[in-house]
Amino acid sequence: MATVTHVCTMNYVAKMRCEDPELLEAIVSNDDNLTYGDIISVYTSSEEAITALTECGIRIPRHAQGRAHASRNLA
């Protein structure tokens, strides 16, 4: 595994990819879509954290997006 030198917040990734942030959150919350180390928790205080993605995590497979869209449309 390569050394992580930077991460991007999920909101930034959603804007970069013109995605709905909630859809990206649904994709990331499914453990089948990402491998260990692709998701990073960044603690901004002792009680608050934000989720960030590594470069590998940003390249979420397209099939994961398709599954998320389908499940979201069924809800």
N, C-alpha and C. Protein backbone atom coordinates (compact mmCIF):
# COMPACT_ATOMS: atom_id res chain seq x y z
N MET A 1 0.85 -1.17 0.00
CA MET A 1 0.00 0.00 0.00
C MET A 1 0.90 1.24 0.00
N ALA A 2 0.58 2.17 -0.85
CA ALA A 2 1.34 3.41 -0.94
C ALA A 2 1.05 4.31 0.26
N THR A 3 1.98 5.19 0.55
CA THR A 3 1.82 6.14 1.63
C THR A 3 0.78 7.19 1.25
N VAL A 4 -0.15 7.45 2.16
CA VAL A 4 -1.17 8.47 1.93
C VAL A 4 -0.56 9.82 2.21
N THR A 5 -0.60 10.70 1.21
CA THR A 5 -0.02 12.03 1.39
C THR A 5 -1.07 13.12 1.46
N HIS A 6 -2.30 12.80 1.04
CA HIS A 6 -3.38 13.77 1.15
C HIS A 6 -4.72 13.04 1.10
N VAL A 7 -5.74 13.68 1.63
CA VAL A 7 -7.11 13.16 1.58
C VAL A 7 -8.03 14.30 1.17
N CYS A 8 -9.21 13.95 0.71
CA CYS A 8 -10.22 14.94 0.33
C CYS A 8 -11.49 14.65 1.11
N THR A 9 -12.14 15.70 1.60
CA THR A 9 -13.39 15.50 2.31
C THR A 9 -14.45 14.99 1.35
N MET A 10 -15.45 14.34 1.91
CA MET A 10 -16.51 13.78 1.06
C MET A 10 -17.26 14.88 0.33
N ASN A 11 -17.47 16.02 0.96
CA ASN A 11 -18.16 17.12 0.28
C ASN A 11 -17.36 17.60 -0.93
N TYR A 12 -16.04 17.68 -0.77
CA TYR A 12 -15.18 18.10 -1.88
C TYR A 12 -15.23 17.09 -3.02
N VAL A 13 -15.18 15.81 -2.68
CA VAL A 13 -15.25 14.76 -3.70
C VAL A 13 -16.59 14.82 -4.43
N ALA A 14 -17.67 15.02 -3.68
CA ALA A 14 -18.99 15.11 -4.30
C ALA A 14 -19.05 16.29 -5.29
N LYS A 15 -18.49 17.42 -4.91
CA LYS A 15 -18.47 18.58 -5.80
C LYS A 15 -17.61 18.32 -7.03
N MET A 16 -16.44 17.70 -6.82
CA MET A 16 -15.53 17.38 -7.92
C MET A 16 -16.20 16.47 -8.95
N ARG A 17 -16.98 15.52 -8.46
CA ARG A 17 -17.60 14.52 -9.33
C ARG A 17 -19.03 14.88 -9.72
N CYS A 18 -19.48 16.07 -9.31
CA CYS A 18 -20.88 16.49 -9.57
C CYS A 18 -21.86 15.43 -9.08
N GLU A 19 -21.63 14.96 -7.87
CA GLU A 19 -22.45 13.93 -7.24
C GLU A 19 -23.24 14.54 -6.09
N ASP A 20 -24.32 13.89 -5.74
CA ASP A 20 -25.08 14.24 -4.56
C ASP A 20 -24.28 13.76 -3.34
N PRO A 21 -23.98 14.63 -2.38
CA PRO A 21 -23.20 14.21 -1.21
C PRO A 21 -23.85 13.05 -0.45
N GLU A 22 -25.18 13.01 -0.41
CA GLU A 22 -25.85 11.91 0.29
C GLU A 22 -25.65 10.59 -0.44
N LEU A 23 -25.63 10.63 -1.76
CA LEU A 23 -25.38 9.42 -2.54
C LEU A 23 -23.96 8.92 -2.29
N LEU A 24 -23.00 9.83 -2.27
CA LEU A 24 -21.62 9.46 -2.00
C LEU A 24 -21.51 8.86 -0.60
N GLU A 25 -22.19 9.43 0.36
CA GLU A 25 -22.19 8.90 1.72
C GLU A 25 -22.74 7.47 1.74
N ALA A 26 -23.80 7.22 0.99
CA ALA A 26 -24.38 5.87 0.91
C ALA A 26 -23.39 4.88 0.31
N ILE A 27 -22.68 5.31 -0.72
CA ILE A 27 -21.70 4.44 -1.37
C ILE A 27 -20.56 4.13 -0.40
N VAL A 28 -20.07 5.14 0.27
CA VAL A 28 -18.94 4.98 1.18
C VAL A 28 -19.32 4.15 2.41
N SER A 29 -20.56 4.26 2.85
CA SER A 29 -20.97 3.54 4.05
C SER A 29 -21.12 2.04 3.80
N ASN A 30 -21.15 1.61 2.54
CA ASN A 30 -21.24 0.20 2.20
C ASN A 30 -19.82 -0.37 2.15
N ASP A 31 -19.50 -1.26 3.08
CA ASP A 31 -18.15 -1.82 3.17
C ASP A 31 -17.73 -2.60 1.92
N ASP A 32 -18.68 -3.05 1.11
CA ASP A 32 -18.34 -3.80 -0.10
C ASP A 32 -17.70 -2.92 -1.16
N ASN A 33 -17.88 -1.62 -1.07
CA ASN A 33 -17.43 -0.72 -2.13
C ASN A 33 -16.00 -0.22 -1.96
N LEU A 34 -15.52 -0.15 -0.75
CA LEU A 34 -14.18 0.38 -0.51
C LEU A 34 -13.37 -0.58 0.34
N THR A 35 -12.08 -0.55 0.19
CA THR A 35 -11.21 -1.39 0.99
C THR A 35 -10.68 -0.62 2.19
N TYR A 36 -10.15 -1.35 3.14
CA TYR A 36 -9.60 -0.74 4.34
C TYR A 36 -8.54 0.29 3.98
N GLY A 37 -8.63 1.45 4.57
CA GLY A 37 -7.65 2.50 4.32
C GLY A 37 -8.09 3.54 3.31
N ASP A 38 -9.18 3.27 2.57
CA ASP A 38 -9.67 4.25 1.60
C ASP A 38 -10.49 5.35 2.27
N ILE A 39 -11.02 5.05 3.45
CA ILE A 39 -11.83 6.01 4.20
C ILE A 39 -11.04 6.42 5.44
N ILE A 40 -10.95 7.72 5.67
CA ILE A 40 -10.21 8.26 6.80
C ILE A 40 -11.16 9.12 7.64
N SER A 41 -11.11 8.95 8.94
CA SER A 41 -11.85 9.84 9.85
C SER A 41 -10.89 10.92 10.31
N VAL A 42 -11.29 12.18 10.13
CA VAL A 42 -10.47 13.31 10.54
C VAL A 42 -11.19 13.97 11.72
N TYR A 43 -10.56 13.94 12.86
CA TYR A 43 -11.17 14.51 14.06
C TYR A 43 -10.88 15.99 14.13
N THR A 44 -11.95 16.79 14.14
CA THR A 44 -11.80 18.23 14.19
C THR A 44 -11.89 18.75 15.62
N SER A 45 -12.37 17.92 16.51
CA SER A 45 -12.40 18.21 17.95
C SER A 45 -12.58 16.87 18.65
N SER A 46 -12.66 16.89 19.96
CA SER A 46 -12.81 15.63 20.68
C SER A 46 -14.19 15.00 20.45
N GLU A 47 -15.13 15.77 19.93
CA GLU A 47 -16.49 15.27 19.74
C GLU A 47 -16.95 15.26 18.29
N GLU A 48 -16.13 15.72 17.38
CA GLU A 48 -16.56 15.85 15.99
C GLU A 48 -15.51 15.31 15.04
N ALA A 49 -16.00 14.61 14.00
CA ALA A 49 -15.10 14.09 12.98
C ALA A 49 -15.77 14.25 11.61
N ILE A 50 -14.96 14.34 10.59
CA ILE A 50 -15.46 14.35 9.22
C ILE A 50 -14.83 13.17 8.49
N THR A 51 -15.49 12.73 7.45
CA THR A 51 -15.00 11.61 6.68
C THR A 51 -14.25 12.14 5.46
N ALA A 52 -13.11 11.56 5.20
CA ALA A 52 -12.31 11.94 4.04
C ALA A 52 -11.94 10.67 3.28
N LEU A 53 -11.62 10.84 2.02
CA LEU A 53 -11.24 9.72 1.17
C LEU A 53 -9.83 9.89 0.66
N THR A 54 -9.11 8.78 0.56
CA THR A 54 -7.79 8.81 -0.05
C THR A 54 -7.97 8.86 -1.57
N GLU A 55 -6.88 8.98 -2.29
CA GLU A 55 -6.95 9.01 -3.75
C GLU A 55 -7.60 7.73 -4.29
N CYS A 56 -7.27 6.60 -3.69
CA CYS A 56 -7.90 5.33 -4.11
C CYS A 56 -9.39 5.34 -3.80
N GLY A 57 -9.76 5.90 -2.67
CA GLY A 57 -11.17 5.95 -2.29
C GLY A 57 -11.99 6.85 -3.19
N ILE A 58 -11.36 7.86 -3.77
CA ILE A 58 -12.07 8.77 -4.67
C ILE A 58 -12.47 8.04 -5.94
N ARG A 59 -11.68 7.07 -6.35
CA ARG A 59 -11.98 6.31 -7.56
C ARG A 59 -12.92 5.16 -7.24
N ILE A 60 -14.07 5.49 -6.70
CA ILE A 60 -15.07 4.46 -6.37
C ILE A 60 -15.52 3.80 -7.66
N PRO A 61 -15.56 2.48 -7.66
CA PRO A 61 -15.98 1.80 -8.88
C PRO A 61 -17.35 2.24 -9.37
N ARG A 62 -17.51 2.33 -10.67
CA ARG A 62 -18.77 2.77 -11.26
C ARG A 62 -19.91 1.83 -10.93
N HIS A 63 -19.62 0.53 -10.78
CA HIS A 63 -20.70 -0.40 -10.44
C HIS A 63 -21.27 -0.10 -9.06
N ALA A 64 -20.43 0.43 -8.17
CA ALA A 64 -20.91 0.81 -6.84
C ALA A 64 -21.88 1.97 -6.95
N GLN A 65 -21.60 2.91 -7.85
CA GLN A 65 -22.50 4.03 -8.05
C GLN A 65 -23.83 3.54 -8.60
N GLY A 66 -23.79 2.62 -9.52
CA GLY A 66 -25.02 2.08 -10.11
C GLY A 66 -25.88 1.40 -9.07
N ARG A 67 -25.27 0.61 -8.19
CA ARG A 67 -26.03 -0.05 -7.12
C ARG A 67 -26.63 0.97 -6.18
N ALA A 68 -25.89 2.01 -5.85
CA ALA A 68 -26.39 3.03 -4.94
C ALA A 68 -27.55 3.78 -5.55
N HIS A 69 -27.45 4.12 -6.86
CA HIS A 69 -28.55 4.80 -7.54
C HIS A 69 -29.79 3.92 -7.52
N ALA A 70 -29.64 2.64 -7.81
CA ALA A 70 -30.77 1.72 -7.87
C ALA A 70 -31.44 1.58 -6.53
N SER A 71 -30.66 1.40 -5.46
CA SER A 71 -31.25 1.24 -4.14
C SER A 71 -31.91 2.52 -3.66
N ARG A 72 -31.36 3.65 -4.04
CA ARG A 72 -31.93 4.93 -3.65
C ARG A 72 -33.26 5.17 -4.36
N ASN A 73 -33.37 4.76 -5.63
CA ASN A 73 -34.61 4.93 -6.38
C ASN A 73 -35.71 4.02 -5.85
N LEU A 74 -35.36 2.89 -5.22
CA LEU A 74 -36.36 1.99 -4.68
C LEU A 74 -36.93 2.51 -3.38
N ALA A 75 -36.18 3.36 -2.68
CA ALA A 75 -36.62 3.86 -1.37
C ALA A 75 -37.75 4.86 -1.48
